[in-house]
Structure formats: C-alpha cells, structure tokens
Amino acid sequence: MDGANAADTDTADTDTDSDALGAPSVRAAVEALLLLADEPMSIMTLAEATRTPVEAVEATVRELSEEYA
C-alpha cells in the first residue's frame, strides 16, 4: 500500500471514531458528559460511555480539572 492510501485509511478511522463518540475528540466527549451530567460521573462510567481506556479518560479528566481550576 502506498503512503497516500495509508493516510486515507488513518483519516477514515479518525472520522469513524469521531462519529462513534458524537464529538470531535475524547476530550470534547468527556467535557460534554461532565457538563451535562446532573450528578458526578466516575472515571469508569466516562470510559464506558466514550469507549475509551480508563487511563486515557483519567488523564483527560486531570487536564480538564487543571483547566477549570
């Protein structure tokens, strides 16, 4: 496979991930879930909702916490 086709595949995967999340990134999805939630959400719940590894969600929540502090 040539380089152009590999890039097309990577873009398609990103578009599919974005569509699955309903947001342009995991960070945006986690932020939206937290802002819309009526009560606190656990890291595990956020990870399940975004289909993202717990470690990645935890890092994202830390970044958001620092930004909002």
PDB file of N, CA and C in Angstrom:
ATOM      1  N   MET A   1       0.849  -1.166   0.000  1.00  0.00           N
ATOM      2  CA  MET A   1       0.000   0.000   0.000  1.00  0.00           C
ATOM      3  C   MET A   1       0.897   1.231   0.000  1.00  0.00           C
ATOM      4  N   ASP A   2       0.548   2.255  -0.799  1.00  0.00           N
ATOM      5  CA  ASP A   2       1.386   3.445  -0.841  1.00  0.00           C
ATOM      6  C   ASP A   2       1.001   4.418   0.270  1.00  0.00           C
ATOM      7  N   GLY A   3       1.805   5.454   0.455  1.00  0.00           N
ATOM      8  CA  GLY A   3       1.612   6.411   1.542  1.00  0.00           C
ATOM      9  C   GLY A   3       0.276   7.129   1.488  1.00  0.00           C
ATOM     10  N   ALA A   4      -0.208   7.449   0.273  1.00  0.00           N
ATOM     11  CA  ALA A   4      -1.473   8.158   0.146  1.00  0.00           C
ATOM     12  C   ALA A   4      -2.627   7.312   0.667  1.00  0.00           C
ATOM     13  N   ASN A   5      -2.624   6.033   0.354  1.00  0.00           N
ATOM     14  CA  ASN A   5      -3.698   5.162   0.817  1.00  0.00           C
ATOM     15  C   ASN A   5      -3.660   4.991   2.326  1.00  0.00           C
ATOM     16  N   ALA A   6      -2.479   4.929   2.900  1.00  0.00           N
ATOM     17  CA  ALA A   6      -2.353   4.793   4.346  1.00  0.00           C
ATOM     18  C   ALA A   6      -2.935   6.025   5.034  1.00  0.00           C
ATOM     19  N   ALA A   7      -2.676   7.209   4.485  1.00  0.00           N
ATOM     20  CA  ALA A   7      -3.211   8.435   5.063  1.00  0.00           C
ATOM     21  C   ALA A   7      -4.730   8.449   4.975  1.00  0.00           C
ATOM     22  N   ASP A   8      -5.281   7.994   3.856  1.00  0.00           N
ATOM     23  CA  ASP A   8      -6.732   7.932   3.704  1.00  0.00           C
ATOM     24  C   ASP A   8      -7.345   7.008   4.741  1.00  0.00           C
ATOM     25  N   THR A   9      -6.714   5.892   5.000  1.00  0.00           N
ATOM     26  CA  THR A   9      -7.208   4.942   5.987  1.00  0.00           C
ATOM     27  C   THR A   9      -7.180   5.553   7.378  1.00  0.00           C
ATOM     28  N   ASP A  10      -6.088   6.261   7.717  1.00  0.00           N
ATOM     29  CA  ASP A  10      -5.989   6.892   9.024  1.00  0.00           C
ATOM     30  C   ASP A  10      -7.095   7.929   9.206  1.00  0.00           C
ATOM     31  N   THR A  11      -7.369   8.720   8.179  1.00  0.00           N
ATOM     32  CA  THR A  11      -8.418   9.728   8.246  1.00  0.00           C
ATOM     33  C   THR A  11      -9.777   9.076   8.416  1.00  0.00           C
ATOM     34  N   ALA A  12     -10.013   7.997   7.702  1.00  0.00           N
ATOM     35  CA  ALA A  12     -11.285   7.293   7.803  1.00  0.00           C
ATOM     36  C   ALA A  12     -11.482   6.745   9.211  1.00  0.00           C
ATOM     37  N   ASP A  13     -10.428   6.203   9.818  1.00  0.00           N
ATOM     38  CA  ASP A  13     -10.524   5.692  11.180  1.00  0.00           C
ATOM     39  C   ASP A  13     -10.847   6.811  12.162  1.00  0.00           C
ATOM     40  N   THR A  14     -10.223   7.963  11.986  1.00  0.00           N
ATOM     41  CA  THR A  14     -10.469   9.103  12.858  1.00  0.00           C
ATOM     42  C   THR A  14     -11.905   9.573  12.712  1.00  0.00           C
ATOM     43  N   ASP A  15     -12.394   9.653  11.472  1.00  0.00           N
ATOM     44  CA  ASP A  15     -13.770  10.070  11.241  1.00  0.00           C
ATOM     45  C   ASP A  15     -14.740   9.096  11.897  1.00  0.00           C
ATOM     46  N   THR A  16     -14.469   7.815  11.803  1.00  0.00           N
ATOM     47  CA  THR A  16     -15.323   6.802  12.403  1.00  0.00           C
ATOM     48  C   THR A  16     -15.306   6.932  13.913  1.00  0.00           C
ATOM     49  N   ASP A  17     -14.145   7.145  14.519  1.00  0.00           N
ATOM     50  CA  ASP A  17     -14.039   7.327  15.959  1.00  0.00           C
ATOM     51  C   ASP A  17     -14.832   8.560  16.396  1.00  0.00           C
ATOM     52  N   SER A  18     -14.712   9.643  15.646  1.00  0.00           N
ATOM     53  CA  SER A  18     -15.423  10.868  15.960  1.00  0.00           C
ATOM     54  C   SER A  18     -16.925  10.652  15.885  1.00  0.00           C
ATOM     55  N   ASP A  19     -17.384   9.955  14.858  1.00  0.00           N
ATOM     56  CA  ASP A  19     -18.805   9.666  14.718  1.00  0.00           C
ATOM     57  C   ASP A  19     -19.297   8.802  15.869  1.00  0.00           C
ATOM     58  N   ALA A  20     -18.509   7.824  16.274  1.00  0.00           N
ATOM     59  CA  ALA A  20     -18.900   6.931  17.364  1.00  0.00           C
ATOM     60  C   ALA A  20     -19.020   7.692  18.677  1.00  0.00           C
ATOM     61  N   LEU A  21     -18.161   8.674  18.888  1.00  0.00           N
ATOM     62  CA  LEU A  21     -18.196   9.470  20.111  1.00  0.00           C
ATOM     63  C   LEU A  21     -19.301  10.512  20.081  1.00  0.00           C
ATOM     64  N   GLY A  22     -19.631  10.981  18.897  1.00  0.00           N
ATOM     65  CA  GLY A  22     -20.551  12.092  18.796  1.00  0.00           C
ATOM     66  C   GLY A  22     -19.862  13.407  19.131  1.00  0.00           C
ATOM     67  N   ALA A  23     -18.544  13.403  19.127  1.00  0.00           N
ATOM     68  CA  ALA A  23     -17.734  14.573  19.445  1.00  0.00           C
ATOM     69  C   ALA A  23     -16.424  14.473  18.673  1.00  0.00           C
ATOM     70  N   PRO A  24     -15.764  15.595  18.467  1.00  0.00           N
ATOM     71  CA  PRO A  24     -14.519  15.574  17.683  1.00  0.00           C
ATOM     72  C   PRO A  24     -13.340  14.903  18.371  1.00  0.00           C
ATOM     73  N   SER A  25     -13.414  14.697  19.692  1.00  0.00           N
ATOM     74  CA  SER A  25     -12.313  14.074  20.420  1.00  0.00           C
ATOM     75  C   SER A  25     -12.828  13.476  21.724  1.00  0.00           C
ATOM     76  N   VAL A  26     -12.012  12.642  22.335  1.00  0.00           N
ATOM     77  CA  VAL A  26     -12.358  12.083  23.638  1.00  0.00           C
ATOM     78  C   VAL A  26     -12.480  13.216  24.651  1.00  0.00           C
ATOM     79  N   ARG A  27     -11.568  14.158  24.575  1.00  0.00           N
ATOM     80  CA  ARG A  27     -11.605  15.302  25.500  1.00  0.00           C
ATOM     81  C   ARG A  27     -12.937  16.044  25.391  1.00  0.00           C
ATOM     82  N   ALA A  28     -13.379  16.316  24.173  1.00  0.00           N
ATOM     83  CA  ALA A  28     -14.650  17.019  23.975  1.00  0.00           C
ATOM     84  C   ALA A  28     -15.826  16.188  24.480  1.00  0.00           C
ATOM     85  N   ALA A  29     -15.776  14.877  24.249  1.00  0.00           N
ATOM     86  CA  ALA A  29     -16.853  13.997  24.702  1.00  0.00           C
ATOM     87  C   ALA A  29     -16.914  13.956  26.227  1.00  0.00           C
ATOM     88  N   VAL A  30     -15.769  13.807  26.878  1.00  0.00           N
ATOM     89  CA  VAL A  30     -15.728  13.761  28.342  1.00  0.00           C
ATOM     90  C   VAL A  30     -16.198  15.099  28.915  1.00  0.00           C
ATOM     91  N   GLU A  31     -15.725  16.186  28.357  1.00  0.00           N
ATOM     92  CA  GLU A  31     -16.121  17.507  28.836  1.00  0.00           C
ATOM     93  C   GLU A  31     -17.632  17.700  28.706  1.00  0.00           C
ATOM     94  N   ALA A  32     -18.194  17.313  27.580  1.00  0.00           N
ATOM     95  CA  ALA A  32     -19.634  17.449  27.371  1.00  0.00           C
ATOM     96  C   ALA A  32     -20.420  16.593  28.360  1.00  0.00           C
ATOM     97  N   LEU A  33     -19.985  15.363  28.556  1.00  0.00           N
ATOM     98  CA  LEU A  33     -20.675  14.493  29.508  1.00  0.00           C
ATOM     99  C   LEU A  33     -20.652  15.083  30.917  1.00  0.00           C
ATOM    100  N   LEU A  34     -19.505  15.604  31.321  1.00  0.00           N
ATOM    101  CA  LEU A  34     -19.394  16.176  32.665  1.00  0.00           C
ATOM    102  C   LEU A  34     -20.240  17.438  32.819  1.00  0.00           C
ATOM    103  N   LEU A  35     -20.285  18.250  31.792  1.00  0.00           N
ATOM    104  CA  LEU A  35     -21.065  19.489  31.870  1.00  0.00           C
ATOM    105  C   LEU A  35     -22.565  19.232  31.855  1.00  0.00           C
ATOM    106  N   LEU A  36     -22.988  18.177  31.191  1.00  0.00           N
ATOM    107  CA  LEU A  36     -24.415  17.878  31.076  1.00  0.00           C
ATOM    108  C   LEU A  36     -24.951  16.976  32.185  1.00  0.00           C
ATOM    109  N   ALA A  37     -24.066  16.333  32.905  1.00  0.00           N
ATOM    110  CA  ALA A  37     -24.488  15.380  33.942  1.00  0.00           C
ATOM    111  C   ALA A  37     -25.155  16.102  35.113  1.00  0.00           C
ATOM    112  N   ASP A  38     -26.213  15.486  35.640  1.00  0.00           N
ATOM    113  CA  ASP A  38     -26.905  16.031  36.807  1.00  0.00           C
ATOM    114  C   ASP A  38     -26.169  15.709  38.104  1.00  0.00           C
ATOM    115  N   GLU A  39     -25.326  14.687  38.055  1.00  0.00           N
ATOM    116  CA  GLU A  39     -24.565  14.283  39.237  1.00  0.00           C
ATOM    117  C   GLU A  39     -23.179  13.839  38.795  1.00  0.00           C
ATOM    118  N   PRO A  40     -22.238  13.740  39.731  1.00  0.00           N
ATOM    119  CA  PRO A  40     -20.867  13.338  39.365  1.00  0.00           C
ATOM    120  C   PRO A  40     -20.834  11.999  38.626  1.00  0.00           C
ATOM    121  N   MET A  41     -19.892  11.881  37.701  1.00  0.00           N
ATOM    122  CA  MET A  41     -19.706  10.639  36.948  1.00  0.00           C
ATOM    123  C   MET A  41     -18.332  10.069  37.287  1.00  0.00           C
ATOM    124  N   SER A  42     -18.264   8.764  37.440  1.00  0.00           N
ATOM    125  CA  SER A  42     -16.987   8.122  37.732  1.00  0.00           C
ATOM    126  C   SER A  42     -16.146   8.015  36.466  1.00  0.00           C
ATOM    127  N   ILE A  43     -14.862   7.842  36.668  1.00  0.00           N
ATOM    128  CA  ILE A  43     -13.949   7.625  35.541  1.00  0.00           C
ATOM    129  C   ILE A  43     -14.397   6.394  34.744  1.00  0.00           C
ATOM    130  N   MET A  44     -14.803   5.349  35.444  1.00  0.00           N
ATOM    131  CA  MET A  44     -15.252   4.122  34.784  1.00  0.00           C
ATOM    132  C   MET A  44     -16.477   4.387  33.910  1.00  0.00           C
ATOM    133  N   THR A  45     -17.430   5.149  34.410  1.00  0.00           N
ATOM    134  CA  THR A  45     -18.630   5.475  33.637  1.00  0.00           C
ATOM    135  C   THR A  45     -18.271   6.286  32.401  1.00  0.00           C
ATOM    136  N   LEU A  46     -17.376   7.257  32.565  1.00  0.00           N
ATOM    137  CA  LEU A  46     -16.929   8.061  31.423  1.00  0.00           C
ATOM    138  C   LEU A  46     -16.199   7.196  30.396  1.00  0.00           C
ATOM    139  N   ALA A  47     -15.379   6.281  30.873  1.00  0.00           N
ATOM    140  CA  ALA A  47     -14.642   5.389  29.969  1.00  0.00           C
ATOM    141  C   ALA A  47     -15.606   4.501  29.184  1.00  0.00           C
ATOM    142  N   GLU A  48     -16.605   3.969  29.857  1.00  0.00           N
ATOM    143  CA  GLU A  48     -17.588   3.132  29.170  1.00  0.00           C
ATOM    144  C   GLU A  48     -18.399   3.946  28.171  1.00  0.00           C
ATOM    145  N   ALA A  49     -18.804   5.148  28.557  1.00  0.00           N
ATOM    146  CA  ALA A  49     -19.622   5.990  27.678  1.00  0.00           C
ATOM    147  C   ALA A  49     -18.872   6.413  26.420  1.00  0.00           C
ATOM    148  N   THR A  50     -17.568   6.614  26.557  1.00  0.00           N
ATOM    149  CA  THR A  50     -16.767   7.058  25.411  1.00  0.00           C
ATOM    150  C   THR A  50     -16.014   5.916  24.735  1.00  0.00           C
ATOM    151  N   ARG A  51     -16.139   4.703  25.303  1.00  0.00           N
ATOM    152  CA  ARG A  51     -15.411   3.528  24.786  1.00  0.00           C
ATOM    153  C   ARG A  51     -13.914   3.823  24.682  1.00  0.00           C
ATOM    154  N   THR A  52     -13.400   4.372  25.764  1.00  0.00           N
ATOM    155  CA  THR A  52     -12.010   4.799  25.837  1.00  0.00           C
ATOM    156  C   THR A  52     -11.359   4.141  27.047  1.00  0.00           C
ATOM    157  N   PRO A  53     -10.082   3.767  26.945  1.00  0.00           N
ATOM    158  CA  PRO A  53      -9.397   3.175  28.102  1.00  0.00           C
ATOM    159  C   PRO A  53      -9.459   4.089  29.329  1.00  0.00           C
ATOM    160  N   VAL A  54      -9.600   3.483  30.484  1.00  0.00           N
ATOM    161  CA  VAL A  54      -9.717   4.211  31.745  1.00  0.00           C
ATOM    162  C   VAL A  54      -8.545   5.177  31.925  1.00  0.00           C
ATOM    163  N   GLU A  55      -7.336   4.742  31.594  1.00  0.00           N
ATOM    164  CA  GLU A  55      -6.149   5.584  31.780  1.00  0.00           C
ATOM    165  C   GLU A  55      -6.250   6.862  30.959  1.00  0.00           C
ATOM    166  N   ALA A  56      -6.751   6.758  29.738  1.00  0.00           N
ATOM    167  CA  ALA A  56      -6.884   7.929  28.872  1.00  0.00           C
ATOM    168  C   ALA A  56      -7.950   8.883  29.411  1.00  0.00           C
ATOM    169  N   VAL A  57      -9.034   8.338  29.908  1.00  0.00           N
ATOM    170  CA  VAL A  57     -10.096   9.169  30.472  1.00  0.00           C
ATOM    171  C   VAL A  57      -9.600   9.858  31.741  1.00  0.00           C
ATOM    172  N   GLU A  58      -8.876   9.128  32.567  1.00  0.00           N
ATOM    173  CA  GLU A  58      -8.335   9.710  33.790  1.00  0.00           C
ATOM    174  C   GLU A  58      -7.402  10.879  33.471  1.00  0.00           C
ATOM    175  N   ALA A  59      -6.550  10.722  32.485  1.00  0.00           N
ATOM    176  CA  ALA A  59      -5.643  11.796  32.084  1.00  0.00           C
ATOM    177  C   ALA A  59      -6.435  12.991  31.546  1.00  0.00           C
ATOM    178  N   THR A  60      -7.470  12.722  30.788  1.00  0.00           N
ATOM    179  CA  THR A  60      -8.308  13.784  30.237  1.00  0.00           C
ATOM    180  C   THR A  60      -9.008  14.553  31.346  1.00  0.00           C
ATOM    181  N   VAL A  61      -9.538  13.842  32.324  1.00  0.00           N
ATOM    182  CA  VAL A  61     -10.217  14.492  33.446  1.00  0.00           C
ATOM    183  C   VAL A  61      -9.231  15.351  34.239  1.00  0.00           C
ATOM    184  N   ARG A  62      -8.014  14.866  34.425  1.00  0.00           N
ATOM    185  CA  ARG A  62      -6.993  15.674  35.124  1.00  0.00           C
ATOM    186  C   ARG A  62      -6.713  16.969  34.364  1.00  0.00           C
ATOM    187  N   GLU A  63      -6.562  16.858  33.031  1.00  0.00           N
ATOM    188  CA  GLU A  63      -6.313  18.047  32.204  1.00  0.00           C
ATOM    189  C   GLU A  63      -7.467  19.039  32.318  1.00  0.00           C
ATOM    190  N   LEU A  64      -8.692  18.533  32.233  1.00  0.00           N
ATOM    191  CA  LEU A  64      -9.864  19.408  32.344  1.00  0.00           C
ATOM    192  C   LEU A  64      -9.932  20.053  33.727  1.00  0.00           C
ATOM    193  N   SER A  65      -9.609  19.289  34.752  1.00  0.00           N
ATOM    194  CA  SER A  65      -9.625  19.808  36.118  1.00  0.00           C
ATOM    195  C   SER A  65      -8.639  20.961  36.264  1.00  0.00           C
ATOM    196  N   GLU A  66      -7.455  20.809  35.702  1.00  0.00           N
ATOM    197  CA  GLU A  66      -6.456  21.876  35.764  1.00  0.00           C
ATOM    198  C   GLU A  66      -6.925  23.114  34.988  1.00  0.00           C
ATOM    199  N   GLU A  67      -7.563  22.872  33.848  1.00  0.00           N
ATOM    200  CA  GLU A  67      -8.041  23.978  33.026  1.00  0.00           C
ATOM    201  C   GLU A  67      -9.156  24.763  33.722  1.00  0.00           C
ATOM    202  N   TYR A  68     -10.057  24.054  34.384  1.00  0.00           N
ATOM    203  CA  TYR A  68     -11.191  24.694  35.040  1.00  0.00           C
ATOM    204  C   TYR A  68     -10.865  25.230  36.432  1.00  0.00           C
ATOM    205  N   ALA A  69      -9.705  24.871  36.974  1.00  0.00           N
ATOM    206  CA  ALA A  69      -9.340  25.308  38.338  1.00  0.00           C
ATOM    207  C   ALA A  69      -9.047  26.798  38.395  1.00  0.00           C
TER     208      ALA A  69
END
